[in-house]
PDB file of N, CA and C in Angstrom:
ATOM      1  N   UNK A   1      -8.113  32.305  16.322  1.00  0.00           N
ATOM      2  CA  UNK A   1      -9.284  32.827  15.660  1.00  0.00           C
ATOM      3  C   UNK A   1      -9.786  34.091  16.372  1.00  0.00           C
ATOM      4  N   UNK A   2      -9.744  34.094  17.701  1.00  0.00           N
ATOM      5  CA  UNK A   2     -10.209  35.272  18.435  1.00  0.00           C
ATOM      6  C   UNK A   2      -9.388  36.505  18.093  1.00  0.00           C
ATOM      7  N   UNK A   3      -8.095  36.326  17.883  1.00  0.00           N
ATOM      8  CA  UNK A   3      -7.229  37.445  17.504  1.00  0.00           C
ATOM      9  C   UNK A   3      -7.677  38.018  16.161  1.00  0.00           C
ATOM     10  N   UNK A   4      -8.010  37.156  15.218  1.00  0.00           N
ATOM     11  CA  UNK A   4      -8.478  37.595  13.900  1.00  0.00           C
ATOM     12  C   UNK A   4      -9.851  38.263  13.983  1.00  0.00           C
ATOM     13  N   UNK A   5     -10.689  37.793  14.879  1.00  0.00           N
ATOM     14  CA  UNK A   5     -12.036  38.351  15.024  1.00  0.00           C
ATOM     15  C   UNK A   5     -12.021  39.798  15.485  1.00  0.00           C
ATOM     16  N   UNK A   6     -10.987  40.211  16.165  1.00  0.00           N
ATOM     17  CA  UNK A   6     -10.931  41.586  16.679  1.00  0.00           C
ATOM     18  C   UNK A   6     -11.095  42.617  15.559  1.00  0.00           C
ATOM     19  N   UNK A   7     -10.721  42.264  14.357  1.00  0.00           N
ATOM     20  CA  UNK A   7     -10.881  43.177  13.231  1.00  0.00           C
ATOM     21  C   UNK A   7     -12.314  43.267  12.716  1.00  0.00           C
ATOM     22  N   UNK A   8     -13.153  42.314  13.098  1.00  0.00           N
ATOM     23  CA  UNK A   8     -14.529  42.263  12.613  1.00  0.00           C
ATOM     24  C   UNK A   8     -15.563  42.623  13.678  1.00  0.00           C
ATOM     25  N   UNK A   9     -15.211  42.428  14.931  1.00  0.00           N
ATOM     26  CA  UNK A   9     -16.161  42.646  16.022  1.00  0.00           C
ATOM     27  C   UNK A   9     -16.070  44.091  16.501  1.00  0.00           C
ATOM     28  N   UNK A  10     -17.205  44.726  16.654  1.00  0.00           N
ATOM     29  CA  UNK A  10     -17.252  46.104  17.127  1.00  0.00           C
ATOM     30  C   UNK A  10     -18.335  46.221  18.202  1.00  0.00           C
ATOM     31  N   UNK A  11     -18.276  47.267  18.969  1.00  0.00           N
ATOM     32  CA  UNK A  11     -19.234  47.505  20.042  1.00  0.00           C
ATOM     33  C   UNK A  11     -20.618  47.697  19.442  1.00  0.00           C
ATOM     34  N   UNK A  12     -21.568  46.870  19.859  1.00  0.00           N
ATOM     35  CA  UNK A  12     -22.936  46.970  19.363  1.00  0.00           C
ATOM     36  C   UNK A  12     -23.238  46.039  18.200  1.00  0.00           C
ATOM     37  N   UNK A  13     -22.294  45.175  17.820  1.00  0.00           N
ATOM     38  CA  UNK A  13     -22.537  44.223  16.732  1.00  0.00           C
ATOM     39  C   UNK A  13     -23.702  43.315  17.113  1.00  0.00           C
ATOM     40  N   UNK A  14     -24.528  42.987  16.143  1.00  0.00           N
ATOM     41  CA  UNK A  14     -25.642  42.082  16.432  1.00  0.00           C
ATOM     42  C   UNK A  14     -25.148  40.639  16.388  1.00  0.00           C
ATOM     43  N   UNK A  15     -25.846  39.784  17.095  1.00  0.00           N
ATOM     44  CA  UNK A  15     -25.479  38.372  17.073  1.00  0.00           C
ATOM     45  C   UNK A  15     -25.674  37.807  15.656  1.00  0.00           C
ATOM     46  N   UNK A  16     -26.667  38.313  14.937  1.00  0.00           N
ATOM     47  CA  UNK A  16     -26.884  37.885  13.549  1.00  0.00           C
ATOM     48  C   UNK A  16     -25.670  38.235  12.683  1.00  0.00           C
ATOM     49  N   UNK A  17     -25.168  39.450  12.825  1.00  0.00           N
ATOM     50  CA  UNK A  17     -24.005  39.882  12.051  1.00  0.00           C
ATOM     51  C   UNK A  17     -22.771  39.060  12.424  1.00  0.00           C
ATOM     52  N   UNK A  18     -22.599  38.786  13.709  1.00  0.00           N
ATOM     53  CA  UNK A  18     -21.466  37.982  14.138  1.00  0.00           C
ATOM     54  C   UNK A  18     -21.557  36.564  13.578  1.00  0.00           C
ATOM     55  N   UNK A  19     -22.740  35.995  13.554  1.00  0.00           N
ATOM     56  CA  UNK A  19     -22.929  34.671  12.938  1.00  0.00           C
ATOM     57  C   UNK A  19     -22.553  34.708  11.463  1.00  0.00           C
ATOM     58  N   UNK A  20     -22.944  35.780  10.777  1.00  0.00           N
ATOM     59  CA  UNK A  20     -22.611  35.921   9.363  1.00  0.00           C
ATOM     60  C   UNK A  20     -21.102  36.013   9.169  1.00  0.00           C
ATOM     61  N   UNK A  21     -20.413  36.769  10.012  1.00  0.00           N
ATOM     62  CA  UNK A  21     -18.956  36.903   9.940  1.00  0.00           C
ATOM     63  C   UNK A  21     -18.295  35.553  10.173  1.00  0.00           C
ATOM     64  N   UNK A  22     -18.767  34.831  11.183  1.00  0.00           N
ATOM     65  CA  UNK A  22     -18.196  33.519  11.486  1.00  0.00           C
ATOM     66  C   UNK A  22     -18.346  32.564  10.309  1.00  0.00           C
ATOM     67  N   UNK A  23     -19.502  32.607   9.663  1.00  0.00           N
ATOM     68  CA  UNK A  23     -19.751  31.721   8.523  1.00  0.00           C
ATOM     69  C   UNK A  23     -18.948  32.151   7.300  1.00  0.00           C
ATOM     70  N   UNK A  24     -19.017  33.426   6.969  1.00  0.00           N
ATOM     71  CA  UNK A  24     -18.414  33.935   5.740  1.00  0.00           C
ATOM     72  C   UNK A  24     -16.885  33.933   5.762  1.00  0.00           C
ATOM     73  N   UNK A  25     -16.301  34.386   6.865  1.00  0.00           N
ATOM     74  CA  UNK A  25     -14.857  34.557   6.906  1.00  0.00           C
ATOM     75  C   UNK A  25     -14.099  33.404   7.567  1.00  0.00           C
ATOM     76  N   UNK A  26     -14.796  32.619   8.400  1.00  0.00           N
ATOM     77  CA  UNK A  26     -14.110  31.567   9.143  1.00  0.00           C
ATOM     78  C   UNK A  26     -14.663  30.178   8.878  1.00  0.00           C
ATOM     79  N   UNK A  27     -15.724  30.072   8.083  1.00  0.00           N
ATOM     80  CA  UNK A  27     -16.265  28.777   7.699  1.00  0.00           C
ATOM     81  C   UNK A  27     -16.965  28.028   8.821  1.00  0.00           C
ATOM     82  N   UNK A  28     -17.447  28.737   9.840  1.00  0.00           N
ATOM     83  CA  UNK A  28     -18.139  28.098  10.963  1.00  0.00           C
ATOM     84  C   UNK A  28     -19.586  27.859  10.561  1.00  0.00           C
ATOM     85  N   UNK A  29     -20.044  26.625  10.702  1.00  0.00           N
ATOM     86  CA  UNK A  29     -21.435  26.324  10.363  1.00  0.00           C
ATOM     87  C   UNK A  29     -22.354  26.850  11.456  1.00  0.00           C
ATOM     88  N   UNK A  30     -23.577  27.152  11.090  1.00  0.00           N
ATOM     89  CA  UNK A  30     -24.547  27.790  11.987  1.00  0.00           C
ATOM     90  C   UNK A  30     -24.779  26.994  13.267  1.00  0.00           C
ATOM     91  N   UNK A  31     -24.683  25.679  13.193  1.00  0.00           N
ATOM     92  CA  UNK A  31     -24.921  24.825  14.357  1.00  0.00           C
ATOM     93  C   UNK A  31     -23.971  25.170  15.503  1.00  0.00           C
ATOM     94  N   UNK A  32     -22.742  25.552  15.174  1.00  0.00           N
ATOM     95  CA  UNK A  32     -21.736  25.836  16.188  1.00  0.00           C
ATOM     96  C   UNK A  32     -21.632  27.320  16.542  1.00  0.00           C
ATOM     97  N   UNK A  33     -22.310  28.175  15.824  1.00  0.00           N
ATOM     98  CA  UNK A  33     -22.198  29.619  16.034  1.00  0.00           C
ATOM     99  C   UNK A  33     -22.605  30.046  17.435  1.00  0.00           C
ATOM    100  N   UNK A  34     -23.708  29.528  17.956  1.00  0.00           N
ATOM    101  CA  UNK A  34     -24.184  29.941  19.286  1.00  0.00           C
ATOM    102  C   UNK A  34     -23.167  29.598  20.364  1.00  0.00           C
ATOM    103  N   UNK A  35     -22.620  28.395  20.314  1.00  0.00           N
ATOM    104  CA  UNK A  35     -21.609  28.005  21.299  1.00  0.00           C
ATOM    105  C   UNK A  35     -20.369  28.878  21.170  1.00  0.00           C
ATOM    106  N   UNK A  36     -19.977  29.153  19.948  1.00  0.00           N
ATOM    107  CA  UNK A  36     -18.798  29.968  19.722  1.00  0.00           C
ATOM    108  C   UNK A  36     -19.025  31.412  20.170  1.00  0.00           C
ATOM    109  N   UNK A  37     -20.202  31.932  19.956  1.00  0.00           N
ATOM    110  CA  UNK A  37     -20.515  33.295  20.405  1.00  0.00           C
ATOM    111  C   UNK A  37     -20.434  33.376  21.925  1.00  0.00           C
ATOM    112  N   UNK A  38     -20.888  32.349  22.615  1.00  0.00           N
ATOM    113  CA  UNK A  38     -20.766  32.334  24.079  1.00  0.00           C
ATOM    114  C   UNK A  38     -19.300  32.410  24.504  1.00  0.00           C
ATOM    115  N   UNK A  39     -18.450  31.676  23.818  1.00  0.00           N
ATOM    116  CA  UNK A  39     -17.021  31.705  24.140  1.00  0.00           C
ATOM    117  C   UNK A  39     -16.416  33.072  23.793  1.00  0.00           C
ATOM    118  N   UNK A  40     -16.818  33.625  22.667  1.00  0.00           N
ATOM    119  CA  UNK A  40     -16.335  34.950  22.254  1.00  0.00           C
ATOM    120  C   UNK A  40     -16.713  35.988  23.312  1.00  0.00           C
ATOM    121  N   UNK A  41     -17.944  35.916  23.809  1.00  0.00           N
ATOM    122  CA  UNK A  41     -18.384  36.851  24.848  1.00  0.00           C
ATOM    123  C   UNK A  41     -17.467  36.779  26.063  1.00  0.00           C
ATOM    124  N   UNK A  42     -17.101  35.594  26.470  1.00  0.00           N
ATOM    125  CA  UNK A  42     -16.217  35.432  27.630  1.00  0.00           C
ATOM    126  C   UNK A  42     -14.803  35.901  27.330  1.00  0.00           C
ATOM    127  N   UNK A  43     -14.253  35.453  26.222  1.00  0.00           N
ATOM    128  CA  UNK A  43     -12.863  35.741  25.893  1.00  0.00           C
ATOM    129  C   UNK A  43     -12.624  37.214  25.554  1.00  0.00           C
ATOM    130  N   UNK A  44     -13.600  37.841  24.905  1.00  0.00           N
ATOM    131  CA  UNK A  44     -13.435  39.229  24.495  1.00  0.00           C
ATOM    132  C   UNK A  44     -14.099  40.194  25.471  1.00  0.00           C
ATOM    133  N   UNK A  45     -14.562  39.674  26.609  1.00  0.00           N
ATOM    134  CA  UNK A  45     -15.204  40.467  27.654  1.00  0.00           C
ATOM    135  C   UNK A  45     -16.347  41.313  27.103  1.00  0.00           C
ATOM    136  N   UNK A  46     -17.351  40.608  26.607  1.00  0.00           N
ATOM    137  CA  UNK A  46     -18.533  41.253  26.044  1.00  0.00           C
ATOM    138  C   UNK A  46     -19.776  40.785  26.787  1.00  0.00           C
ATOM    139  N   UNK A  47     -20.852  41.541  26.660  1.00  0.00           N
ATOM    140  CA  UNK A  47     -22.133  41.132  27.223  1.00  0.00           C
ATOM    141  C   UNK A  47     -23.235  41.429  26.214  1.00  0.00           C
ATOM    142  N   UNK A  48     -24.386  40.814  26.431  1.00  0.00           N
ATOM    143  CA  UNK A  48     -25.487  40.911  25.470  1.00  0.00           C
ATOM    144  C   UNK A  48     -26.799  41.120  26.248  1.00  0.00           C
ATOM    145  N   UNK A  49     -27.060  42.354  26.686  1.00  0.00           N
ATOM    146  CA  UNK A  49     -28.222  42.602  27.556  1.00  0.00           C
ATOM    147  C   UNK A  49     -29.578  42.353  26.898  1.00  0.00           C
ATOM    148  N   UNK A  50     -29.683  42.595  25.614  1.00  0.00           N
ATOM    149  CA  UNK A  50     -30.969  42.423  24.931  1.00  0.00           C
ATOM    150  C   UNK A  50     -31.022  41.158  24.072  1.00  0.00           C
ATOM    151  N   UNK A  51     -30.019  40.311  24.173  1.00  0.00           N
ATOM    152  CA  UNK A  51     -29.907  39.061  23.414  1.00  0.00           C
ATOM    153  C   UNK A  51     -29.849  39.290  21.908  1.00  0.00           C
ATOM    154  N   UNK A  52     -29.504  40.502  21.497  1.00  0.00           N
ATOM    155  CA  UNK A  52     -29.368  40.815  20.078  1.00  0.00           C
ATOM    156  C   UNK A  52     -28.071  41.538  19.763  1.00  0.00           C
ATOM    157  N   UNK A  53     -27.601  42.388  20.659  1.00  0.00           N
ATOM    158  CA  UNK A  53     -26.414  43.189  20.419  1.00  0.00           C
ATOM    159  C   UNK A  53     -25.328  42.853  21.440  1.00  0.00           C
ATOM    160  N   UNK A  54     -24.085  42.825  20.982  1.00  0.00           N
ATOM    161  CA  UNK A  54     -22.948  42.556  21.852  1.00  0.00           C
ATOM    162  C   UNK A  54     -22.200  43.845  22.128  1.00  0.00           C
ATOM    163  N   UNK A  55     -21.856  44.061  23.392  1.00  0.00           N
ATOM    164  CA  UNK A  55     -21.140  45.257  23.803  1.00  0.00           C
ATOM    165  C   UNK A  55     -19.919  44.853  24.609  1.00  0.00           C
ATOM    166  N   UNK A  56     -18.839  45.626  24.470  1.00  0.00           N
ATOM    167  CA  UNK A  56     -17.653  45.390  25.258  1.00  0.00           C
ATOM    168  C   UNK A  56     -17.875  45.904  26.681  1.00  0.00           C
ATOM    169  N   UNK A  57     -17.378  45.165  27.655  1.00  0.00           N
ATOM    170  CA  UNK A  57     -17.459  45.582  29.056  1.00  0.00           C
ATOM    171  C   UNK A  57     -16.436  46.704  29.242  1.00  0.00           C
ATOM    172  N   UNK A  58     -16.875  47.806  29.781  1.00  0.00           N
ATOM    173  CA  UNK A  58     -15.979  48.929  30.041  1.00  0.00           C
ATOM    174  C   UNK A  58     -15.564  48.908  31.502  1.00  0.00           C
ATOM    175  N   UNK A  59     -14.279  48.952  31.719  1.00  0.00           N
ATOM    176  CA  UNK A  59     -13.783  48.905  33.104  1.00  0.00           C
ATOM    177  C   UNK A  59     -13.464  50.276  33.617  1.00  0.00           C
TER     178      UNK A  59
END
């Protein structure tokens, strides 16, 4: 699923938009979205400084 998400996730995506993508394209119910977003942040090396937008970590 993470491989497929790479086509939908972009630098600066909001957590709301990511929840919508998870629900619409992957059938993830809202209850599990927060846990899944935490895993996505780790796996895709992202951070969320303002708790609203996700950014890729630049090395």
